[in-house]
PDB file of all heavy atoms in Angstrom:
ATOM      1  N   ALA A   1     -11.879   7.474   1.385  1.00  0.00           N
ATOM      2  CA  ALA A   1     -12.254   6.441   0.411  1.00  0.00           C
ATOM      3  C   ALA A   1     -11.046   6.003  -0.410  1.00  0.00           C
ATOM      4  O   ALA A   1     -10.877   4.807  -0.688  1.00  0.00           O
ATOM      5  CB  ALA A   1     -13.366   6.954  -0.494  1.00  0.00           C
ATOM      6  N   ALA A   2     -10.207   6.954  -0.784  1.00  0.00           N
ATOM      7  CA  ALA A   2      -9.011   6.627  -1.552  1.00  0.00           C
ATOM      8  C   ALA A   2      -8.069   5.741  -0.737  1.00  0.00           C
ATOM      9  O   ALA A   2      -7.512   4.771  -1.253  1.00  0.00           O
ATOM     10  CB  ALA A   2      -8.307   7.902  -1.991  1.00  0.00           C
ATOM     11  N   ARG A   3      -7.896   6.076   0.521  1.00  0.00           N
ATOM     12  CA  ARG A   3      -7.018   5.278   1.378  1.00  0.00           C
ATOM     13  C   ARG A   3      -7.541   3.843   1.501  1.00  0.00           C
ATOM     14  O   ARG A   3      -6.775   2.883   1.413  1.00  0.00           O
ATOM     15  CB  ARG A   3      -6.878   5.917   2.750  1.00  0.00           C
ATOM     16  CG  ARG A   3      -5.890   5.206   3.648  1.00  0.00           C
ATOM     17  CD  ARG A   3      -5.694   5.965   4.961  1.00  0.00           C
ATOM     18  NE  ARG A   3      -4.775   5.269   5.826  1.00  0.00           N
ATOM     19  CZ  ARG A   3      -3.449   5.352   5.776  1.00  0.00           C
ATOM     20  NH1 ARG A   3      -2.884   6.148   4.887  1.00  0.00           N
ATOM     21  NH2 ARG A   3      -2.683   4.676   6.599  1.00  0.00           N
ATOM     22  N   GLN A   4      -8.851   3.685   1.666  1.00  0.00           N
ATOM     23  CA  GLN A   4      -9.429   2.347   1.751  1.00  0.00           C
ATOM     24  C   GLN A   4      -9.220   1.581   0.445  1.00  0.00           C
ATOM     25  O   GLN A   4      -8.895   0.394   0.456  1.00  0.00           O
ATOM     26  CB  GLN A   4     -10.922   2.427   2.099  1.00  0.00           C
ATOM     27  CG  GLN A   4     -11.579   1.086   2.265  1.00  0.00           C
ATOM     28  CD  GLN A   4     -10.921   0.245   3.356  1.00  0.00           C
ATOM     29  OE1 GLN A   4     -10.541   0.752   4.397  1.00  0.00           O
ATOM     30  NE2 GLN A   4     -10.767  -1.051   3.102  1.00  0.00           N
ATOM     31  N   HIS A   5      -9.392   2.250  -0.674  1.00  0.00           N
ATOM     32  CA  HIS A   5      -9.158   1.655  -1.996  1.00  0.00           C
ATOM     33  C   HIS A   5      -7.712   1.159  -2.085  1.00  0.00           C
ATOM     34  O   HIS A   5      -7.453   0.011  -2.471  1.00  0.00           O
ATOM     35  CB  HIS A   5      -9.435   2.716  -3.071  1.00  0.00           C
ATOM     36  CG  HIS A   5      -9.116   2.308  -4.464  1.00  0.00           C
ATOM     37  ND1 HIS A   5     -10.035   2.428  -5.478  1.00  0.00           N
ATOM     38  CD2 HIS A   5      -7.986   1.828  -5.049  1.00  0.00           C
ATOM     39  CE1 HIS A   5      -9.481   2.027  -6.616  1.00  0.00           C
ATOM     40  NE2 HIS A   5      -8.237   1.662  -6.370  1.00  0.00           N
ATOM     41  N   ILE A   6      -6.784   2.020  -1.724  1.00  0.00           N
ATOM     42  CA  ILE A   6      -5.364   1.681  -1.811  1.00  0.00           C
ATOM     43  C   ILE A   6      -5.037   0.497  -0.906  1.00  0.00           C
ATOM     44  O   ILE A   6      -4.339  -0.430  -1.322  1.00  0.00           O
ATOM     45  CB  ILE A   6      -4.495   2.915  -1.486  1.00  0.00           C
ATOM     46  CG1 ILE A   6      -4.652   3.964  -2.592  1.00  0.00           C
ATOM     47  CG2 ILE A   6      -3.031   2.515  -1.305  1.00  0.00           C
ATOM     48  CD1 ILE A   6      -4.058   5.327  -2.254  1.00  0.00           C
ATOM     49  N   ILE A   7      -5.543   0.516   0.307  1.00  0.00           N
ATOM     50  CA  ILE A   7      -5.281  -0.589   1.237  1.00  0.00           C
ATOM     51  C   ILE A   7      -5.813  -1.907   0.678  1.00  0.00           C
ATOM     52  O   ILE A   7      -5.126  -2.931   0.721  1.00  0.00           O
ATOM     53  CB  ILE A   7      -5.873  -0.285   2.629  1.00  0.00           C
ATOM     54  CG1 ILE A   7      -5.025   0.797   3.306  1.00  0.00           C
ATOM     55  CG2 ILE A   7      -5.962  -1.549   3.487  1.00  0.00           C
ATOM     56  CD1 ILE A   7      -5.617   1.342   4.587  1.00  0.00           C
ATOM     57  N   ALA A   8      -7.019  -1.893   0.126  1.00  0.00           N
ATOM     58  CA  ALA A   8      -7.585  -3.117  -0.461  1.00  0.00           C
ATOM     59  C   ALA A   8      -6.692  -3.645  -1.579  1.00  0.00           C
ATOM     60  O   ALA A   8      -6.430  -4.856  -1.662  1.00  0.00           O
ATOM     61  CB  ALA A   8      -8.997  -2.850  -0.974  1.00  0.00           C
ATOM     62  N   ASP A   9      -6.203  -2.740  -2.422  1.00  0.00           N
ATOM     63  CA  ASP A   9      -5.335  -3.155  -3.524  1.00  0.00           C
ATOM     64  C   ASP A   9      -3.968  -3.614  -3.028  1.00  0.00           C
ATOM     65  O   ASP A   9      -3.404  -4.590  -3.533  1.00  0.00           O
ATOM     66  CB  ASP A   9      -5.188  -2.032  -4.545  1.00  0.00           C
ATOM     67  CG  ASP A   9      -6.428  -1.844  -5.402  1.00  0.00           C
ATOM     68  OD1 ASP A   9      -7.390  -2.627  -5.269  1.00  0.00           O
ATOM     69  OD2 ASP A   9      -6.435  -0.891  -6.212  1.00  0.00           O
ATOM     70  N   LEU A  10      -3.408  -2.913  -2.048  1.00  0.00           N
ATOM     71  CA  LEU A  10      -2.109  -3.310  -1.509  1.00  0.00           C
ATOM     72  C   LEU A  10      -2.167  -4.710  -0.911  1.00  0.00           C
ATOM     73  O   LEU A  10      -1.228  -5.501  -1.069  1.00  0.00           O
ATOM     74  CB  LEU A  10      -1.645  -2.313  -0.441  1.00  0.00           C
ATOM     75  CG  LEU A  10      -1.164  -0.949  -0.920  1.00  0.00           C
ATOM     76  CD1 LEU A  10      -0.899  -0.045   0.279  1.00  0.00           C
ATOM     77  CD2 LEU A  10       0.083  -1.074  -1.784  1.00  0.00           C
ATOM     78  N   LYS A  11      -3.257  -5.006  -0.238  1.00  0.00           N
ATOM     79  CA  LYS A  11      -3.401  -6.334   0.363  1.00  0.00           C
ATOM     80  C   LYS A  11      -3.386  -7.429  -0.702  1.00  0.00           C
ATOM     81  O   LYS A  11      -2.920  -8.542  -0.440  1.00  0.00           O
ATOM     82  CB  LYS A  11      -4.665  -6.403   1.216  1.00  0.00           C
ATOM     83  CG  LYS A  11      -4.508  -5.654   2.527  1.00  0.00           C
ATOM     84  CD  LYS A  11      -5.762  -5.732   3.370  1.00  0.00           C
ATOM     85  CE  LYS A  11      -5.555  -5.051   4.707  1.00  0.00           C
ATOM     86  NZ  LYS A  11      -6.755  -5.110   5.558  1.00  0.00           N
ATOM     87  N   MET A  12      -3.874  -7.103  -1.885  1.00  0.00           N
ATOM     88  CA  MET A  12      -3.848  -8.074  -2.987  1.00  0.00           C
ATOM     89  C   MET A  12      -2.404  -8.364  -3.417  1.00  0.00           C
ATOM     90  O   MET A  12      -2.138  -9.390  -4.027  1.00  0.00           O
ATOM     91  CB  MET A  12      -4.645  -7.546  -4.181  1.00  0.00           C
ATOM     92  CG  MET A  12      -6.112  -7.311  -3.906  1.00  0.00           C
ATOM     93  SD  MET A  12      -7.024  -8.811  -3.527  1.00  0.00           S
ATOM     94  CE  MET A  12      -6.931  -9.653  -5.077  1.00  0.00           C
ATOM     95  N   GLU A  13      -1.491  -7.447  -3.090  1.00  0.00           N
ATOM     96  CA  GLU A  13      -0.083  -7.618  -3.468  1.00  0.00           C
ATOM     97  C   GLU A  13       0.757  -8.159  -2.316  1.00  0.00           C
ATOM     98  O   GLU A  13       1.982  -8.188  -2.401  1.00  0.00           O
ATOM     99  CB  GLU A  13       0.469  -6.283  -3.959  1.00  0.00           C
ATOM    100  CG  GLU A  13      -0.220  -5.802  -5.226  1.00  0.00           C
ATOM    101  CD  GLU A  13       0.410  -4.565  -5.808  1.00  0.00           C
ATOM    102  OE1 GLU A  13       1.631  -4.390  -5.647  1.00  0.00           O
ATOM    103  OE2 GLU A  13      -0.307  -3.780  -6.427  1.00  0.00           O
ATOM    104  N   GLY A  14       0.107  -8.534  -1.207  1.00  0.00           N
ATOM    105  CA  GLY A  14       0.826  -9.110  -0.091  1.00  0.00           C
ATOM    106  C   GLY A  14       1.184  -8.137   1.018  1.00  0.00           C
ATOM    107  O   GLY A  14       1.798  -8.517   2.009  1.00  0.00           O
ATOM    108  N   TRP A  15       0.791  -6.895   0.864  1.00  0.00           N
ATOM    109  CA  TRP A  15       1.041  -5.879   1.896  1.00  0.00           C
ATOM    110  C   TRP A  15       0.158  -6.178   3.103  1.00  0.00           C
ATOM    111  O   TRP A  15      -0.967  -6.652   2.961  1.00  0.00           O
ATOM    112  CB  TRP A  15       0.713  -4.513   1.311  1.00  0.00           C
ATOM    113  CG  TRP A  15       0.885  -3.342   2.224  1.00  0.00           C
ATOM    114  CD1 TRP A  15       2.020  -2.623   2.406  1.00  0.00           C
ATOM    115  CD2 TRP A  15      -0.119  -2.720   3.043  1.00  0.00           C
ATOM    116  NE1 TRP A  15       1.786  -1.597   3.297  1.00  0.00           N
ATOM    117  CE2 TRP A  15       0.483  -1.641   3.701  1.00  0.00           C
ATOM    118  CE3 TRP A  15      -1.464  -2.991   3.287  1.00  0.00           C
ATOM    119  CZ2 TRP A  15      -0.214  -0.820   4.582  1.00  0.00           C
ATOM    120  CZ3 TRP A  15      -2.162  -2.180   4.163  1.00  0.00           C
ATOM    121  CH2 TRP A  15      -1.530  -1.103   4.794  1.00  0.00           C
ATOM    122  N   THR A  16       0.678  -5.914   4.296  1.00  0.00           N
ATOM    123  CA  THR A  16      -0.120  -6.043   5.511  1.00  0.00           C
ATOM    124  C   THR A  16      -0.110  -4.706   6.239  1.00  0.00           C
ATOM    125  O   THR A  16       0.754  -3.863   5.998  1.00  0.00           O
ATOM    126  CB  THR A  16       0.432  -7.128   6.456  1.00  0.00           C
ATOM    127  OG1 THR A  16       1.694  -6.695   6.973  1.00  0.00           O
ATOM    128  CG2 THR A  16       0.581  -8.472   5.750  1.00  0.00           C
ATOM    129  N   GLU A  17      -1.037  -4.520   7.149  1.00  0.00           N
ATOM    130  CA  GLU A  17      -1.139  -3.251   7.859  1.00  0.00           C
ATOM    131  C   GLU A  17       0.031  -3.009   8.803  1.00  0.00           C
ATOM    132  O   GLU A  17       0.219  -1.897   9.280  1.00  0.00           O
ATOM    133  CB  GLU A  17      -2.486  -3.149   8.558  1.00  0.00           C
ATOM    134  CG  GLU A  17      -3.594  -3.112   7.514  1.00  0.00           C
ATOM    135  CD  GLU A  17      -4.925  -2.631   8.040  1.00  0.00           C
ATOM    136  OE1 GLU A  17      -4.944  -1.799   8.954  1.00  0.00           O
ATOM    137  OE2 GLU A  17      -5.935  -3.090   7.496  1.00  0.00           O
ATOM    138  N   SER A  18       0.857  -4.020   9.035  1.00  0.00           N
ATOM    139  CA  SER A  18       2.070  -3.813   9.820  1.00  0.00           C
ATOM    140  C   SER A  18       3.215  -3.292   8.937  1.00  0.00           C
ATOM    141  O   SER A  18       4.233  -2.845   9.457  1.00  0.00           O
ATOM    142  CB  SER A  18       2.485  -5.097  10.537  1.00  0.00           C
ATOM    143  OG  SER A  18       2.802  -6.113   9.608  1.00  0.00           O
ATOM    144  N   ASP A  19       3.045  -3.362   7.624  1.00  0.00           N
ATOM    145  CA  ASP A  19       4.026  -2.804   6.693  1.00  0.00           C
ATOM    146  C   ASP A  19       3.844  -1.296   6.608  1.00  0.00           C
ATOM    147  O   ASP A  19       2.741  -0.789   6.829  1.00  0.00           O
ATOM    148  CB  ASP A  19       3.833  -3.399   5.285  1.00  0.00           C
ATOM    149  CG  ASP A  19       4.148  -4.877   5.224  1.00  0.00           C
ATOM    150  OD1 ASP A  19       5.059  -5.330   5.943  1.00  0.00           O
ATOM    151  OD2 ASP A  19       3.469  -5.582   4.450  1.00  0.00           O
ATOM    152  N   PRO A  20       4.906  -0.566   6.250  1.00  0.00           N
ATOM    153  CA  PRO A  20       4.729   0.874   6.067  1.00  0.00           C
ATOM    154  C   PRO A  20       3.820   1.162   4.876  1.00  0.00           C
ATOM    155  O   PRO A  20       3.778   0.391   3.917  1.00  0.00           O
ATOM    156  CB  PRO A  20       6.144   1.394   5.814  1.00  0.00           C
ATOM    157  CG  PRO A  20       6.939   0.214   5.391  1.00  0.00           C
ATOM    158  CD  PRO A  20       6.274  -0.998   6.000  1.00  0.00           C
ATOM    159  N   PHE A  21       3.084   2.256   4.974  1.00  0.00           N
ATOM    160  CA  PHE A  21       2.246   2.686   3.852  1.00  0.00           C
ATOM    161  C   PHE A  21       3.173   3.345   2.841  1.00  0.00           C
ATOM    162  O   PHE A  21       3.980   4.202   3.210  1.00  0.00           O
ATOM    163  CB  PHE A  21       1.186   3.683   4.354  1.00  0.00           C
ATOM    164  CG  PHE A  21       0.042   3.860   3.407  1.00  0.00           C
ATOM    165  CD1 PHE A  21      -1.053   3.008   3.456  1.00  0.00           C
ATOM    166  CD2 PHE A  21       0.047   4.880   2.475  1.00  0.00           C
ATOM    167  CE1 PHE A  21      -2.126   3.171   2.583  1.00  0.00           C
ATOM    168  CE2 PHE A  21      -1.007   5.054   1.605  1.00  0.00           C
ATOM    169  CZ  PHE A  21      -2.101   4.195   1.660  1.00  0.00           C
ATOM    170  N   PRO A  22       3.101   2.971   1.561  1.00  0.00           N
ATOM    171  CA  PRO A  22       4.004   3.560   0.571  1.00  0.00           C
ATOM    172  C   PRO A  22       3.894   5.089   0.537  1.00  0.00           C
ATOM    173  O   PRO A  22       2.798   5.640   0.573  1.00  0.00           O
ATOM    174  CB  PRO A  22       3.531   2.948  -0.759  1.00  0.00           C
ATOM    175  CG  PRO A  22       2.735   1.753  -0.385  1.00  0.00           C
ATOM    176  CD  PRO A  22       2.159   2.021   0.959  1.00  0.00           C
ATOM    177  N   LYS A  23       5.050   5.744   0.459  1.00  0.00           N
ATOM    178  CA  LYS A  23       5.089   7.208   0.476  1.00  0.00           C
ATOM    179  C   LYS A  23       4.873   7.816  -0.910  1.00  0.00           C
ATOM    180  O   LYS A  23       4.221   8.834  -1.055  1.00  0.00           O
ATOM    181  CB  LYS A  23       6.429   7.692   1.018  1.00  0.00           C
ATOM    182  CG  LYS A  23       6.662   7.296   2.452  1.00  0.00           C
ATOM    183  CD  LYS A  23       8.041   7.703   2.896  1.00  0.00           C
ATOM    184  CE  LYS A  23       8.319   7.142   4.275  1.00  0.00           C
ATOM    185  NZ  LYS A  23       9.705   7.376   4.684  1.00  0.00           N
ATOM    186  N   ASP A  24       5.476   7.205  -1.898  1.00  0.00           N
ATOM    187  CA  ASP A  24       5.424   7.729  -3.255  1.00  0.00           C
ATOM    188  C   ASP A  24       5.808   6.606  -4.222  1.00  0.00           C
ATOM    189  O   ASP A  24       6.011   5.468  -3.785  1.00  0.00           O
ATOM    190  CB  ASP A  24       6.349   8.947  -3.414  1.00  0.00           C
ATOM    191  CG  ASP A  24       7.787   8.669  -2.995  1.00  0.00           C
ATOM    192  OD1 ASP A  24       8.239   7.503  -3.053  1.00  0.00           O
ATOM    193  OD2 ASP A  24       8.467   9.628  -2.587  1.00  0.00           O
ATOM    194  N   GLU A  25       5.925   6.931  -5.489  1.00  0.00           N
ATOM    195  CA  GLU A  25       6.218   5.895  -6.487  1.00  0.00           C
ATOM    196  C   GLU A  25       7.534   5.176  -6.206  1.00  0.00           C
ATOM    197  O   GLU A  25       7.613   3.952  -6.282  1.00  0.00           O
ATOM    198  CB  GLU A  25       6.229   6.499  -7.891  1.00  0.00           C
ATOM    199  CG  GLU A  25       6.424   5.481  -8.981  1.00  0.00           C
ATOM    200  CD  GLU A  25       6.320   6.045 -10.382  1.00  0.00           C
ATOM    201  OE1 GLU A  25       5.816   7.173 -10.555  1.00  0.00           O
ATOM    202  OE2 GLU A  25       6.744   5.345 -11.317  1.00  0.00           O
ATOM    203  N   GLY A  26       8.579   5.926  -5.869  1.00  0.00           N
ATOM    204  CA  GLY A  26       9.873   5.309  -5.585  1.00  0.00           C
ATOM    205  C   GLY A  26       9.817   4.367  -4.397  1.00  0.00           C
ATOM    206  O   GLY A  26      10.365   3.261  -4.441  1.00  0.00           O
ATOM    207  N   HIS A  27       9.151   4.781  -3.341  1.00  0.00           N
ATOM    208  CA  HIS A  27       9.018   3.944  -2.152  1.00  0.00           C
ATOM    209  C   HIS A  27       8.180   2.707  -2.468  1.00  0.00           C
ATOM    210  O   HIS A  27       8.485   1.601  -2.010  1.00  0.00           O
ATOM    211  CB  HIS A  27       8.394   4.766  -1.009  1.00  0.00           C
ATOM    212  CG  HIS A  27       8.389   4.074   0.302  1.00  0.00           C
ATOM    213  ND1 HIS A  27       7.282   4.063   1.114  1.00  0.00           N
ATOM    214  CD2 HIS A  27       9.346   3.365   0.963  1.00  0.00           C
ATOM    215  CE1 HIS A  27       7.563   3.380   2.217  1.00  0.00           C
ATOM    216  NE2 HIS A  27       8.804   2.947   2.145  1.00  0.00           N
ATOM    217  N   TYR A  28       7.132   2.885  -3.263  1.00  0.00           N
ATOM    218  CA  TYR A  28       6.277   1.772  -3.684  1.00  0.00           C
ATOM    219  C   TYR A  28       7.131   0.704  -4.375  1.00  0.00           C
ATOM    220  O   TYR A  28       7.049  -0.485  -4.063  1.00  0.00           O
ATOM    221  CB  TYR A  28       5.197   2.310  -4.631  1.00  0.00           C
ATOM    222  CG  TYR A  28       4.065   1.363  -4.908  1.00  0.00           C
ATOM    223  CD1 TYR A  28       2.869   1.455  -4.212  1.00  0.00           C
ATOM    224  CD2 TYR A  28       4.165   0.389  -5.893  1.00  0.00           C
ATOM    225  CE1 TYR A  28       1.804   0.605  -4.479  1.00  0.00           C
ATOM    226  CE2 TYR A  28       3.117  -0.469  -6.174  1.00  0.00           C
ATOM    227  CZ  TYR A  28       1.942  -0.357  -5.454  1.00  0.00           C
ATOM    228  OH  TYR A  28       0.901  -1.209  -5.711  1.00  0.00           O
ATOM    229  N   LYS A  29       7.973   1.148  -5.312  1.00  0.00           N
ATOM    230  CA  LYS A  29       8.841   0.218  -6.039  1.00  0.00           C
ATOM    231  C   LYS A  29       9.843  -0.432  -5.106  1.00  0.00           C
ATOM    232  O   LYS A  29      10.104  -1.630  -5.185  1.00  0.00           O
ATOM    233  CB  LYS A  29       9.568   0.941  -7.161  1.00  0.00           C
ATOM    234  CG  LYS A  29       8.702   1.351  -8.317  1.00  0.00           C
ATOM    235  CD  LYS A  29       9.552   2.104  -9.333  1.00  0.00           C
ATOM    236  CE  LYS A  29       8.752   2.651 -10.472  1.00  0.00           C
ATOM    237  NZ  LYS A  29       9.605   3.432 -11.405  1.00  0.00           N
ATOM    238  N   LYS A  30      10.449   0.379  -4.215  1.00  0.00           N
ATOM    239  CA  LYS A  30      11.450  -0.126  -3.283  1.00  0.00           C
ATOM    240  C   LYS A  30      10.872  -1.224  -2.388  1.00  0.00           C
ATOM    241  O   LYS A  30      11.562  -2.170  -2.028  1.00  0.00           O
ATOM    242  CB  LYS A  30      11.984   1.017  -2.442  1.00  0.00           C
ATOM    243  CG  LYS A  30      13.146   0.642  -1.557  1.00  0.00           C
ATOM    244  CD  LYS A  30      13.694   1.871  -0.839  1.00  0.00           C
ATOM    245  CE  LYS A  30      14.861   1.461   0.026  1.00  0.00           C
ATOM    246  NZ  LYS A  30      15.411   2.621   0.753  1.00  0.00           N
TER     247      LYS A  30
END
């Protein structure tokens, strides 16, 4: 459920499923 939540939110920021899944806070920012 958490992963689905995160994916839904990431998509709102322009992330696509072909992009890497963020590893941690630093990677998220990068």
